[in-house]
């Protein structure tokens, strides 16, 4: 029997955002005042899964690992 690990959708404790998060594990490719917040950003569905990721500095292996193990990459950090 296959049991899928429950993905806990991150939630911002300040504004309540549960849709789009950047990971602090992958720095932005060009850290500037108006640049991206992270080198990897994911959008979550309300069914606790990633629906889209945007890589701006993450390797394909890092992006794949984040897709497979989102709880290790995306979490509440306020």
PDB file of N, CA and C in Angstrom:
ATOM      1  N   UNK A   1       0.843  -1.180   0.000  1.00  0.00           N
ATOM      2  CA  UNK A   1       0.000   0.000   0.000  1.00  0.00           C
ATOM      3  C   UNK A   1       0.885   1.237   0.000  1.00  0.00           C
ATOM      4  N   UNK A   2       0.532   2.200  -0.844  1.00  0.00           N
ATOM      5  CA  UNK A   2       1.291   3.442  -0.959  1.00  0.00           C
ATOM      6  C   UNK A   2       0.649   4.507  -0.084  1.00  0.00           C
ATOM      7  N   UNK A   3       1.443   5.111   0.780  1.00  0.00           N
ATOM      8  CA  UNK A   3       0.941   6.180   1.651  1.00  0.00           C
ATOM      9  C   UNK A   3       1.710   7.444   1.311  1.00  0.00           C
ATOM     10  N   UNK A   4       1.005   8.455   0.877  1.00  0.00           N
ATOM     11  CA  UNK A   4       1.638   9.725   0.532  1.00  0.00           C
ATOM     12  C   UNK A   4       1.775  10.580   1.780  1.00  0.00           C
ATOM     13  N   UNK A   5       2.941  11.188   1.922  1.00  0.00           N
ATOM     14  CA  UNK A   5       3.178  12.084   3.053  1.00  0.00           C
ATOM     15  C   UNK A   5       2.279  13.312   2.933  1.00  0.00           C
ATOM     16  N   UNK A   6       1.689  13.707   4.022  1.00  0.00           N
ATOM     17  CA  UNK A   6       0.830  14.892   4.049  1.00  0.00           C
ATOM     18  C   UNK A   6       1.689  16.137   3.903  1.00  0.00           C
ATOM     19  N   UNK A   7       1.344  16.962   2.948  1.00  0.00           N
ATOM     20  CA  UNK A   7       2.044  18.224   2.751  1.00  0.00           C
ATOM     21  C   UNK A   7       1.310  19.291   3.543  1.00  0.00           C
ATOM     22  N   UNK A   8       2.019  19.940   4.418  1.00  0.00           N
ATOM     23  CA  UNK A   8       1.435  21.006   5.210  1.00  0.00           C
ATOM     24  C   UNK A   8       1.695  22.313   4.485  1.00  0.00           C
ATOM     25  N   UNK A   9       0.634  22.954   4.053  1.00  0.00           N
ATOM     26  CA  UNK A   9       0.770  24.213   3.324  1.00  0.00           C
ATOM     27  C   UNK A   9       1.265  25.283   4.279  1.00  0.00           C
ATOM     28  N   UNK A  10       2.331  25.977   3.891  1.00  0.00           N
ATOM     29  CA  UNK A  10       2.814  27.058   4.747  1.00  0.00           C
ATOM     30  C   UNK A  10       1.784  28.176   4.849  1.00  0.00           C
ATOM     31  N   UNK A  11       1.848  28.917   5.926  1.00  0.00           N
ATOM     32  CA  UNK A  11       0.933  30.039   6.122  1.00  0.00           C
ATOM     33  C   UNK A  11       1.690  31.173   6.791  1.00  0.00           C
ATOM     34  N   UNK A  12       1.571  32.364   6.219  1.00  0.00           N
ATOM     35  CA  UNK A  12       2.203  33.534   6.813  1.00  0.00           C
ATOM     36  C   UNK A  12       1.447  33.918   8.080  1.00  0.00           C
ATOM     37  N   UNK A  13       2.168  34.028   9.174  1.00  0.00           N
ATOM     38  CA  UNK A  13       1.537  34.375  10.443  1.00  0.00           C
ATOM     39  C   UNK A  13       1.144  35.845  10.511  1.00  0.00           C
ATOM     40  N   UNK A  14       1.677  36.645   9.599  1.00  0.00           N
ATOM     41  CA  UNK A  14       1.368  38.072   9.600  1.00  0.00           C
ATOM     42  C   UNK A  14       0.135  38.389   8.757  1.00  0.00           C
ATOM     43  N   UNK A  15       0.087  37.873   7.506  1.00  0.00           N
ATOM     44  CA  UNK A  15      -0.999  38.259   6.599  1.00  0.00           C
ATOM     45  C   UNK A  15      -1.955  37.122   6.254  1.00  0.00           C
ATOM     46  N   UNK A  16      -1.615  35.882   6.594  1.00  0.00           N
ATOM     47  CA  UNK A  16      -2.485  34.749   6.307  1.00  0.00           C
ATOM     48  C   UNK A  16      -2.292  34.142   4.926  1.00  0.00           C
ATOM     49  N   UNK A  17      -1.307  34.600   4.159  1.00  0.00           N
ATOM     50  CA  UNK A  17      -1.044  34.053   2.835  1.00  0.00           C
ATOM     51  C   UNK A  17      -0.818  32.550   2.910  1.00  0.00           C
ATOM     52  N   UNK A  18      -1.501  31.804   2.048  1.00  0.00           N
ATOM     53  CA  UNK A  18      -1.289  30.365   1.929  1.00  0.00           C
ATOM     54  C   UNK A  18      -1.052  29.956   0.481  1.00  0.00           C
ATOM     55  N   UNK A  19      -0.803  30.914  -0.401  1.00  0.00           N
ATOM     56  CA  UNK A  19      -0.736  30.603  -1.826  1.00  0.00           C
ATOM     57  C   UNK A  19       0.661  30.573  -2.418  1.00  0.00           C
ATOM     58  N   UNK A  20       1.494  31.548  -2.151  1.00  0.00           N
ATOM     59  CA  UNK A  20       2.781  31.656  -2.818  1.00  0.00           C
ATOM     60  C   UNK A  20       3.896  31.887  -1.801  1.00  0.00           C
ATOM     61  N   UNK A  21       4.937  31.045  -1.905  1.00  0.00           N
ATOM     62  CA  UNK A  21       6.043  31.139  -0.960  1.00  0.00           C
ATOM     63  C   UNK A  21       7.374  30.957  -1.653  1.00  0.00           C
ATOM     64  N   UNK A  22       8.380  31.663  -1.187  1.00  0.00           N
ATOM     65  CA  UNK A  22       9.754  31.473  -1.609  1.00  0.00           C
ATOM     66  C   UNK A  22      10.470  30.685  -0.525  1.00  0.00           C
ATOM     67  N   UNK A  23      11.498  29.972  -0.908  1.00  0.00           N
ATOM     68  CA  UNK A  23      12.271  29.215   0.064  1.00  0.00           C
ATOM     69  C   UNK A  23      13.539  29.969   0.454  1.00  0.00           C
ATOM     70  N   UNK A  24      13.896  29.890   1.693  1.00  0.00           N
ATOM     71  CA  UNK A  24      15.127  30.530   2.153  1.00  0.00           C
ATOM     72  C   UNK A  24      16.344  29.650   1.889  1.00  0.00           C
ATOM     73  N   UNK A  25      16.137  28.423   1.440  1.00  0.00           N
ATOM     74  CA  UNK A  25      17.254  27.518   1.157  1.00  0.00           C
ATOM     75  C   UNK A  25      17.974  27.854  -0.139  1.00  0.00           C
ATOM     76  N   UNK A  26      17.306  28.567  -1.052  1.00  0.00           N
ATOM     77  CA  UNK A  26      17.909  28.885  -2.343  1.00  0.00           C
ATOM     78  C   UNK A  26      17.904  30.396  -2.519  1.00  0.00           C
ATOM     79  N   UNK A  27      19.069  31.017  -2.485  1.00  0.00           N
ATOM     80  CA  UNK A  27      19.121  32.477  -2.597  1.00  0.00           C
ATOM     81  C   UNK A  27      18.725  32.953  -3.989  1.00  0.00           C
ATOM     82  N   UNK A  28      18.251  34.180  -4.087  1.00  0.00           N
ATOM     83  CA  UNK A  28      17.932  34.728  -5.410  1.00  0.00           C
ATOM     84  C   UNK A  28      19.184  34.853  -6.253  1.00  0.00           C
ATOM     85  N   UNK A  29      19.004  34.724  -7.551  1.00  0.00           N
ATOM     86  CA  UNK A  29      20.139  34.774  -8.460  1.00  0.00           C
ATOM     87  C   UNK A  29      20.768  36.168  -8.488  1.00  0.00           C
ATOM     88  N   UNK A  30      19.956  37.210  -8.306  1.00  0.00           N
ATOM     89  CA  UNK A  30      20.447  38.593  -8.287  1.00  0.00           C
ATOM     90  C   UNK A  30      19.811  39.320  -7.109  1.00  0.00           C
ATOM     91  N   UNK A  31      20.436  39.263  -5.935  1.00  0.00           N
ATOM     92  CA  UNK A  31      19.836  39.895  -4.759  1.00  0.00           C
ATOM     93  C   UNK A  31      19.842  41.418  -4.864  1.00  0.00           C
ATOM     94  N   UNK A  32      18.698  41.977  -5.180  1.00  0.00           N
ATOM     95  CA  UNK A  32      18.541  43.423  -5.280  1.00  0.00           C
ATOM     96  C   UNK A  32      17.289  43.843  -4.535  1.00  0.00           C
ATOM     97  N   UNK A  33      17.132  45.132  -4.358  1.00  0.00           N
ATOM     98  CA  UNK A  33      15.968  45.638  -3.632  1.00  0.00           C
ATOM     99  C   UNK A  33      14.656  45.292  -4.324  1.00  0.00           C
ATOM    100  N   UNK A  34      14.654  45.266  -5.649  1.00  0.00           N
ATOM    101  CA  UNK A  34      13.431  44.972  -6.385  1.00  0.00           C
ATOM    102  C   UNK A  34      13.437  43.582  -7.007  1.00  0.00           C
ATOM    103  N   UNK A  35      14.392  42.759  -6.639  1.00  0.00           N
ATOM    104  CA  UNK A  35      14.515  41.426  -7.224  1.00  0.00           C
ATOM    105  C   UNK A  35      13.616  40.410  -6.550  1.00  0.00           C
ATOM    106  N   UNK A  36      13.702  39.174  -6.994  1.00  0.00           N
ATOM    107  CA  UNK A  36      12.885  38.107  -6.406  1.00  0.00           C
ATOM    108  C   UNK A  36      13.293  37.833  -4.971  1.00  0.00           C
ATOM    109  N   UNK A  37      12.365  37.327  -4.223  1.00  0.00           N
ATOM    110  CA  UNK A  37      12.585  37.048  -2.807  1.00  0.00           C
ATOM    111  C   UNK A  37      13.426  35.786  -2.603  1.00  0.00           C
ATOM    112  N   UNK A  38      13.419  34.903  -3.578  1.00  0.00           N
ATOM    113  CA  UNK A  38      14.089  33.619  -3.459  1.00  0.00           C
ATOM    114  C   UNK A  38      14.470  33.111  -4.838  1.00  0.00           C
ATOM    115  N   UNK A  39      15.338  32.105  -4.867  1.00  0.00           N
ATOM    116  CA  UNK A  39      15.689  31.461  -6.119  1.00  0.00           C
ATOM    117  C   UNK A  39      14.685  30.413  -6.543  1.00  0.00           C
ATOM    118  N   UNK A  40      13.680  30.146  -5.672  1.00  0.00           N
ATOM    119  CA  UNK A  40      12.638  29.167  -5.975  1.00  0.00           C
ATOM    120  C   UNK A  40      11.357  29.586  -5.274  1.00  0.00           C
ATOM    121  N   UNK A  41      10.307  29.765  -6.048  1.00  0.00           N
ATOM    122  CA  UNK A  41       9.007  30.187  -5.517  1.00  0.00           C
ATOM    123  C   UNK A  41       7.968  29.145  -5.919  1.00  0.00           C
ATOM    124  N   UNK A  42       7.092  28.778  -4.992  1.00  0.00           N
ATOM    125  CA  UNK A  42       6.045  27.799  -5.286  1.00  0.00           C
ATOM    126  C   UNK A  42       4.677  28.370  -4.954  1.00  0.00           C
ATOM    127  N   UNK A  43       3.718  28.008  -5.793  1.00  0.00           N
ATOM    128  CA  UNK A  43       2.313  28.336  -5.544  1.00  0.00           C
ATOM    129  C   UNK A  43       1.608  27.061  -5.103  1.00  0.00           C
ATOM    130  N   UNK A  44       0.835  27.164  -4.037  1.00  0.00           N
ATOM    131  CA  UNK A  44       0.143  26.012  -3.467  1.00  0.00           C
ATOM    132  C   UNK A  44      -1.349  26.068  -3.773  1.00  0.00           C
ATOM    133  N   UNK A  45      -1.958  24.894  -3.896  1.00  0.00           N
ATOM    134  CA  UNK A  45      -3.411  24.809  -4.051  1.00  0.00           C
ATOM    135  C   UNK A  45      -4.028  24.697  -2.661  1.00  0.00           C
ATOM    136  N   UNK A  46      -5.335  24.792  -2.611  1.00  0.00           N
ATOM    137  CA  UNK A  46      -5.993  24.615  -1.313  1.00  0.00           C
ATOM    138  C   UNK A  46      -6.145  23.131  -0.967  1.00  0.00           C
ATOM    139  N   UNK A  47      -5.625  22.243  -1.821  1.00  0.00           N
ATOM    140  CA  UNK A  47      -5.599  20.812  -1.522  1.00  0.00           C
ATOM    141  C   UNK A  47      -4.221  20.373  -1.017  1.00  0.00           C
ATOM    142  N   UNK A  48      -3.445  21.302  -0.503  1.00  0.00           N
ATOM    143  CA  UNK A  48      -2.145  21.012   0.094  1.00  0.00           C
ATOM    144  C   UNK A  48      -1.133  20.442  -0.889  1.00  0.00           C
ATOM    145  N   UNK A  49      -1.073  20.987  -2.094  1.00  0.00           N
ATOM    146  CA  UNK A  49      -0.072  20.532  -3.049  1.00  0.00           C
ATOM    147  C   UNK A  49       0.453  21.710  -3.860  1.00  0.00           C
ATOM    148  N   UNK A  50       1.655  21.544  -4.371  1.00  0.00           N
ATOM    149  CA  UNK A  50       2.248  22.572  -5.226  1.00  0.00           C
ATOM    150  C   UNK A  50       1.607  22.472  -6.602  1.00  0.00           C
ATOM    151  N   UNK A  51       1.186  23.603  -7.123  1.00  0.00           N
ATOM    152  CA  UNK A  51       0.603  23.615  -8.461  1.00  0.00           C
ATOM    153  C   UNK A  51       1.538  24.236  -9.489  1.00  0.00           C
ATOM    154  N   UNK A  52       2.503  25.030  -9.025  1.00  0.00           N
ATOM    155  CA  UNK A  52       3.423  25.691  -9.944  1.00  0.00           C
ATOM    156  C   UNK A  52       4.664  26.114  -9.174  1.00  0.00           C
ATOM    157  N   UNK A  53       5.813  26.008  -9.820  1.00  0.00           N
ATOM    158  CA  UNK A  53       7.053  26.504  -9.230  1.00  0.00           C
ATOM    159  C   UNK A  53       7.787  27.333 -10.263  1.00  0.00           C
ATOM    160  N   UNK A  54       8.460  28.359  -9.786  1.00  0.00           N
ATOM    161  CA  UNK A  54       9.279  29.201 -10.648  1.00  0.00           C
ATOM    162  C   UNK A  54      10.699  29.190 -10.100  1.00  0.00           C
ATOM    163  N   UNK A  55      11.614  28.718 -10.916  1.00  0.00           N
ATOM    164  CA  UNK A  55      13.010  28.626 -10.521  1.00  0.00           C
ATOM    165  C   UNK A  55      13.779  29.797 -11.108  1.00  0.00           C
ATOM    166  N   UNK A  56      14.425  30.556 -10.241  1.00  0.00           N
ATOM    167  CA  UNK A  56      15.241  31.692 -10.657  1.00  0.00           C
ATOM    168  C   UNK A  56      16.596  31.586  -9.983  1.00  0.00           C
ATOM    169  N   UNK A  57      17.250  30.437 -10.161  1.00  0.00           N
ATOM    170  CA  UNK A  57      18.548  30.232  -9.548  1.00  0.00           C
ATOM    171  C   UNK A  57      18.711  28.844  -8.961  1.00  0.00           C
ATOM    172  N   UNK A  58      17.621  28.101  -8.829  1.00  0.00           N
ATOM    173  CA  UNK A  58      17.701  26.733  -8.323  1.00  0.00           C
ATOM    174  C   UNK A  58      18.123  25.801  -9.449  1.00  0.00           C
ATOM    175  N   UNK A  59      18.872  24.770  -9.105  1.00  0.00           N
ATOM    176  CA  UNK A  59      19.206  23.755 -10.099  1.00  0.00           C
ATOM    177  C   UNK A  59      17.976  22.879 -10.319  1.00  0.00           C
ATOM    178  N   UNK A  60      17.990  22.079 -11.375  1.00  0.00           N
ATOM    179  CA  UNK A  60      16.874  21.177 -11.636  1.00  0.00           C
ATOM    180  C   UNK A  60      16.731  20.156 -10.510  1.00  0.00           C
ATOM    181  N   UNK A  61      17.845  19.733  -9.939  1.00  0.00           N
ATOM    182  CA  UNK A  61      17.792  18.787  -8.821  1.00  0.00           C
ATOM    183  C   UNK A  61      17.172  19.419  -7.581  1.00  0.00           C
ATOM    184  N   UNK A  62      17.533  20.666  -7.304  1.00  0.00           N
ATOM    185  CA  UNK A  62      16.943  21.360  -6.151  1.00  0.00           C
ATOM    186  C   UNK A  62      15.445  21.563  -6.350  1.00  0.00           C
ATOM    187  N   UNK A  63      15.053  21.957  -7.553  1.00  0.00           N
ATOM    188  CA  UNK A  63      13.622  22.160  -7.833  1.00  0.00           C
ATOM    189  C   UNK A  63      12.857  20.850  -7.706  1.00  0.00           C
ATOM    190  N   UNK A  64      13.420  19.773  -8.209  1.00  0.00           N
ATOM    191  CA  UNK A  64      12.758  18.461  -8.114  1.00  0.00           C
ATOM    192  C   UNK A  64      12.621  18.029  -6.660  1.00  0.00           C
ATOM    193  N   UNK A  65      13.658  18.221  -5.878  1.00  0.00           N
ATOM    194  CA  UNK A  65      13.607  17.856  -4.462  1.00  0.00           C
ATOM    195  C   UNK A  65      12.558  18.688  -3.721  1.00  0.00           C
ATOM    196  N   UNK A  66      12.483  19.972  -4.040  1.00  0.00           N
ATOM    197  CA  UNK A  66      11.480  20.835  -3.402  1.00  0.00           C
ATOM    198  C   UNK A  66      10.071  20.403  -3.786  1.00  0.00           C
ATOM    199  N   UNK A  67       9.883  19.979  -5.040  1.00  0.00           N
ATOM    200  CA  UNK A  67       8.573  19.502  -5.495  1.00  0.00           C
ATOM    201  C   UNK A  67       8.179  18.231  -4.739  1.00  0.00           C
ATOM    202  N   UNK A  68       9.148  17.342  -4.534  1.00  0.00           N
ATOM    203  CA  UNK A  68       8.881  16.064  -3.868  1.00  0.00           C
ATOM    204  C   UNK A  68       8.807  16.189  -2.354  1.00  0.00           C
ATOM    205  N   UNK A  69       9.522  17.141  -1.780  1.00  0.00           N
ATOM    206  CA  UNK A  69       9.568  17.323  -0.325  1.00  0.00           C
ATOM    207  C   UNK A  69       9.304  18.782   0.036  1.00  0.00           C
ATOM    208  N   UNK A  70       8.118  19.306  -0.257  1.00  0.00           N
ATOM    209  CA  UNK A  70       7.865  20.733  -0.022  1.00  0.00           C
ATOM    210  C   UNK A  70       7.976  21.158   1.441  1.00  0.00           C
ATOM    211  N   UNK A  71       7.700  20.250   2.365  1.00  0.00           N
ATOM    212  CA  UNK A  71       7.798  20.612   3.785  1.00  0.00           C
ATOM    213  C   UNK A  71       9.231  20.930   4.195  1.00  0.00           C
ATOM    214  N   UNK A  72      10.197  20.443   3.440  1.00  0.00           N
ATOM    215  CA  UNK A  72      11.601  20.722   3.739  1.00  0.00           C
ATOM    216  C   UNK A  72      12.061  22.066   3.184  1.00  0.00           C
ATOM    217  N   UNK A  73      11.307  22.625   2.258  1.00  0.00           N
ATOM    218  CA  UNK A  73      11.712  23.861   1.594  1.00  0.00           C
ATOM    219  C   UNK A  73      10.815  25.059   1.907  1.00  0.00           C
ATOM    220  N   UNK A  74       9.520  24.818   2.026  1.00  0.00           N
ATOM    221  CA  UNK A  74       8.572  25.929   2.195  1.00  0.00           C
ATOM    222  C   UNK A  74       7.910  25.813   3.567  1.00  0.00           C
ATOM    223  N   UNK A  75       8.081  26.843   4.366  1.00  0.00           N
ATOM    224  CA  UNK A  75       7.564  26.845   5.717  1.00  0.00           C
ATOM    225  C   UNK A  75       7.290  28.286   6.140  1.00  0.00           C
ATOM    226  N   UNK A  76       6.644  28.429   7.255  1.00  0.00           N
ATOM    227  CA  UNK A  76       6.329  29.759   7.758  1.00  0.00           C
ATOM    228  C   UNK A  76       7.578  30.374   8.355  1.00  0.00           C
ATOM    229  N   UNK A  77       7.905  31.547   7.896  1.00  0.00           N
ATOM    230  CA  UNK A  77       9.059  32.243   8.476  1.00  0.00           C
ATOM    231  C   UNK A  77       8.733  33.717   8.627  1.00  0.00           C
ATOM    232  N   UNK A  78       8.169  34.045   9.762  1.00  0.00           N
ATOM    233  CA  UNK A  78       7.833  35.422  10.075  1.00  0.00           C
ATOM    234  C   UNK A  78       8.385  35.757  11.427  1.00  0.00           C
TER     235      UNK A  78
END
